[in-house]
Amino acid sequence: MPDVQCTSETPTETTRFGCGRVLAMKRWITRLLAGLALAGFILLGDAWLFGGEADSAASDRPAAWQSMAEGTVLIEREPGRGEDTEPTRLPVRIADDARERGQGMQNLPPAVIREHPIWFEFPSPRRTGWHMRNVRLALDIAYVDANGEVLAVERMSPGGSGYGISEPIAAALELAAGEAERLDIEPGTRLTRSR
């Protein structure tokens, strides 16, 4: 049997525990610490993305977001698109004043963004720009003219800016990324707020 050289840094560790045990213990401690670090990163990532914030009280949310009324947007597809001819009813938050429109989806947990699309309503058609500062989740935005027709749909990424179209809009609908496609919202679709 070949001689195994122990690389222990102190001779007492080698004589008291044996070379193999010392090295095995060091490997075990290293693996344990690596596992704890990985678990910590996973928990931090989960807290940032999903954060358990969906379970937190609504009072933790920005005041301007809390002041938004709840309503319904009707999604009417062009004739001949699919079997369903009835409008789809989409529950939304309504941002109809400057403070609420300025708030938008900022500083909201991703779960809240996914569950609460926002209908932005302007007193008269206007050209406007959009940004994604302080928004944690990619969004789809549908730009709507005064007749309720979707002019364009755009994907916005967290931290981005410079979004918008050159035509004046009367309203816009912000939803979690992928929801516009799932709901068949595209140019030509009619979106109207149910009153």
Protein backbone atom coordinates (compact mmCIF):
# COMPACT_ATOMS: atom_id res chain seq x y z
CA MET A 1 0.00 0.00 0.00
CA PRO A 2 1.52 3.36 -1.01
CA ASP A 3 2.27 6.01 1.58
CA VAL A 4 -0.22 8.91 1.55
CA GLN A 5 1.27 12.26 2.35
CA CYS A 6 -0.92 14.43 4.48
CA THR A 7 -1.06 18.09 3.56
CA SER A 8 -2.40 19.14 6.91
CA GLU A 9 -1.06 22.48 8.03
CA THR A 10 -0.56 21.49 11.66
CA PRO A 11 0.96 18.21 12.78
CA THR A 12 -1.49 17.87 15.68
CA GLU A 13 -4.44 17.64 13.25
CA THR A 14 -2.73 14.75 11.49
CA THR A 15 -1.91 12.79 14.60
CA ARG A 16 -5.14 13.39 16.45
CA PHE A 17 -7.67 12.81 13.60
CA GLY A 18 -5.69 11.10 10.88
CA CYS A 19 -4.85 12.65 7.54
CA GLY A 20 -7.87 11.25 5.64
CA ARG A 21 -10.36 12.45 8.20
CA VAL A 22 -8.96 15.98 8.24
CA LEU A 23 -9.13 16.27 4.45
CA ALA A 24 -12.62 14.76 4.34
CA MET A 25 -13.80 17.18 7.01
CA LYS A 26 -12.36 20.15 5.09
CA ARG A 27 -14.11 18.99 1.91
CA TRP A 28 -17.37 18.55 3.82
CA ILE A 29 -17.14 22.05 5.34
CA THR A 30 -16.32 23.56 1.92
CA ARG A 31 -19.31 21.82 0.35
CA LEU A 32 -21.57 22.88 3.20
CA LEU A 33 -20.52 26.53 2.86
CA ALA A 34 -20.94 26.42 -0.93
CA GLY A 35 -24.42 24.93 -0.50
CA LEU A 36 -25.40 27.58 2.03
CA ALA A 37 -24.14 30.34 -0.28
CA LEU A 38 -26.10 28.86 -3.20
CA ALA A 39 -29.25 28.61 -1.07
CA GLY A 40 -28.79 32.24 -0.01
CA PHE A 41 -28.50 33.39 -3.63
CA ILE A 42 -31.58 31.40 -4.58
CA LEU A 43 -33.58 32.92 -1.72
CA LEU A 44 -32.41 36.44 -2.59
CA GLY A 45 -33.30 35.91 -6.25
CA ASP A 46 -36.70 34.54 -5.30
CA ALA A 47 -37.30 37.47 -2.97
CA TRP A 48 -36.36 39.94 -5.69
CA LEU A 49 -38.44 38.28 -8.42
CA PHE A 50 -41.41 37.00 -6.45
CA GLY A 51 -40.50 38.26 -3.04
CA GLY A 52 -43.39 36.99 -1.11
CA GLU A 53 -44.46 40.55 -1.78
CA ALA A 54 -47.58 39.26 -3.50
CA ASP A 55 -48.65 38.14 -0.03
CA SER A 56 -47.87 41.47 1.60
CA ALA A 57 -50.63 43.90 2.40
CA ALA A 58 -51.83 46.28 -0.27
CA SER A 59 -50.90 49.11 2.09
CA ASP A 60 -47.24 48.41 1.21
CA ARG A 61 -47.94 49.53 -2.36
CA PRO A 62 -47.50 53.13 -3.56
CA ALA A 63 -50.38 55.47 -2.69
CA ALA A 64 -50.90 56.50 -6.33
CA TRP A 65 -51.30 52.83 -7.30
CA GLN A 66 -53.77 52.25 -4.45
CA SER A 67 -55.83 55.24 -5.60
CA MET A 68 -56.38 53.76 -9.08
CA ALA A 69 -59.98 52.67 -9.59
CA GLU A 70 -60.69 49.13 -10.73
CA GLY A 71 -62.53 48.59 -13.98
CA THR A 72 -62.84 46.43 -17.06
CA VAL A 73 -61.47 46.76 -20.58
CA LEU A 74 -63.33 45.01 -23.39
CA ILE A 75 -61.11 43.35 -26.00
CA GLU A 76 -62.87 43.10 -29.36
CA ARG A 77 -61.03 41.20 -32.06
CA GLU A 78 -61.35 41.77 -35.77
CA PRO A 79 -64.12 39.66 -37.38
CA GLY A 80 -62.88 36.30 -38.62
CA ARG A 81 -60.20 35.92 -35.92
CA GLY A 82 -60.95 32.70 -34.08
CA GLU A 83 -64.25 31.19 -33.01
CA ASP A 84 -64.95 33.52 -30.10
CA THR A 85 -66.81 36.64 -31.27
CA GLU A 86 -67.75 37.85 -27.79
CA PRO A 87 -65.46 40.54 -26.35
CA THR A 88 -63.03 39.39 -23.67
CA ARG A 89 -63.41 41.23 -20.37
CA LEU A 90 -60.07 42.15 -18.79
CA PRO A 91 -60.02 43.45 -15.18
CA VAL A 92 -57.67 46.46 -14.95
CA ARG A 93 -56.53 49.29 -12.70
CA ILE A 94 -57.42 52.68 -14.22
CA ALA A 95 -54.83 55.46 -14.27
CA ASP A 96 -56.84 58.51 -15.28
CA ASP A 97 -55.02 61.38 -13.59
CA ALA A 98 -51.43 62.64 -13.86
CA ARG A 99 -50.34 61.18 -10.50
CA GLU A 100 -51.69 57.71 -11.28
CA ARG A 101 -50.31 57.76 -14.84
CA GLY A 102 -46.92 58.80 -13.44
CA GLN A 103 -47.00 55.88 -10.99
CA GLY A 104 -47.84 53.16 -13.50
CA MET A 105 -46.15 49.84 -12.67
CA GLN A 106 -43.22 51.41 -10.79
CA ASN A 107 -42.11 49.88 -7.49
CA LEU A 108 -44.60 47.02 -7.67
CA PRO A 109 -43.75 43.36 -7.09
CA PRO A 110 -43.79 41.17 -10.23
CA ALA A 111 -46.78 39.16 -8.96
CA VAL A 112 -48.85 42.36 -8.67
CA ILE A 113 -47.79 43.45 -12.18
CA ARG A 114 -48.86 40.07 -13.59
CA GLU A 115 -52.26 40.20 -11.87
CA HIS A 116 -53.17 43.87 -12.43
CA PRO A 117 -52.89 45.34 -15.94
CA ILE A 118 -53.20 49.14 -16.04
CA TRP A 119 -55.42 51.12 -18.43
CA PHE A 120 -53.94 54.61 -18.91
CA GLU A 121 -56.57 57.13 -19.96
CA PHE A 122 -55.83 60.67 -21.17
CA PRO A 123 -58.31 63.58 -21.16
CA SER A 124 -57.52 64.21 -24.85
CA PRO A 125 -55.35 62.37 -27.43
CA ARG A 126 -51.64 63.17 -27.11
CA ARG A 127 -48.19 61.97 -28.03
CA THR A 128 -46.45 60.59 -24.99
CA GLY A 129 -43.26 58.75 -24.09
CA TRP A 130 -42.83 55.85 -21.69
CA HIS A 131 -39.99 54.56 -19.49
CA MET A 132 -39.40 51.45 -17.39
CA ARG A 133 -37.39 52.85 -14.48
CA ASN A 134 -38.26 51.08 -11.22
CA VAL A 135 -40.30 48.41 -13.05
CA ARG A 136 -39.22 44.84 -12.22
CA LEU A 137 -40.90 42.95 -15.05
CA ALA A 138 -40.99 43.30 -18.85
CA LEU A 139 -44.29 44.70 -20.10
CA ASP A 140 -46.39 44.78 -23.25
CA ILE A 141 -48.03 48.12 -24.01
CA ALA A 142 -50.87 48.61 -26.48
CA TYR A 143 -51.31 52.17 -27.78
CA VAL A 144 -54.98 53.03 -28.41
CA ASP A 145 -56.46 55.87 -30.50
CA ALA A 146 -59.59 57.92 -29.73
CA ASN A 147 -61.78 55.34 -31.52
CA GLY A 148 -60.50 52.51 -29.31
CA GLU A 149 -58.37 50.92 -32.04
CA VAL A 150 -54.94 49.54 -31.15
CA LEU A 151 -52.35 51.39 -33.23
CA ALA A 152 -49.30 49.41 -32.08
CA VAL A 153 -48.10 46.97 -29.43
CA GLU A 154 -44.59 47.28 -28.00
CA ARG A 155 -42.49 45.20 -25.56
CA MET A 156 -40.77 47.25 -22.86
CA SER A 157 -37.82 45.95 -20.80
CA PRO A 158 -37.03 46.83 -17.16
CA GLY A 159 -34.81 49.91 -16.95
CA GLY A 160 -35.48 50.94 -20.56
CA SER A 161 -36.71 54.28 -21.84
CA GLY A 162 -37.69 55.98 -25.08
CA TYR A 163 -40.80 53.89 -25.69
CA GLY A 164 -43.83 55.26 -27.50
CA ILE A 165 -45.21 55.96 -30.96
CA SER A 166 -45.41 59.15 -33.02
CA GLU A 167 -49.23 59.15 -33.33
CA PRO A 168 -51.38 60.70 -30.59
CA ILE A 169 -53.09 58.21 -28.30
CA ALA A 170 -56.16 58.46 -26.10
CA ALA A 171 -55.29 55.45 -23.94
CA ALA A 172 -52.74 52.70 -23.41
CA LEU A 173 -52.91 49.26 -21.83
CA GLU A 174 -49.90 47.90 -19.92
CA LEU A 175 -49.75 44.18 -19.22
CA ALA A 176 -47.09 41.67 -18.23
CA ALA A 177 -44.93 40.65 -21.19
CA GLY A 178 -46.59 37.96 -23.31
CA GLU A 179 -50.13 38.83 -22.22
CA ALA A 180 -50.88 40.93 -25.32
CA GLU A 181 -50.15 37.94 -27.53
CA ARG A 182 -52.10 35.57 -25.28
CA LEU A 183 -55.13 37.88 -25.44
CA ASP A 184 -54.74 38.46 -29.22
CA ILE A 185 -54.17 42.18 -28.75
CA GLU A 186 -52.56 43.53 -31.91
CA PRO A 187 -52.96 46.50 -34.27
CA GLY A 188 -56.61 46.69 -35.30
CA THR A 189 -57.97 45.14 -32.08
CA ARG A 190 -60.52 47.36 -30.30
CA LEU A 191 -59.99 48.11 -26.62
CA THR A 192 -62.66 50.03 -24.75
CA ARG A 193 -63.16 50.74 -21.10
CA SER A 194 -66.44 49.31 -19.88
CA ARG A 195 -68.36 51.96 -17.95
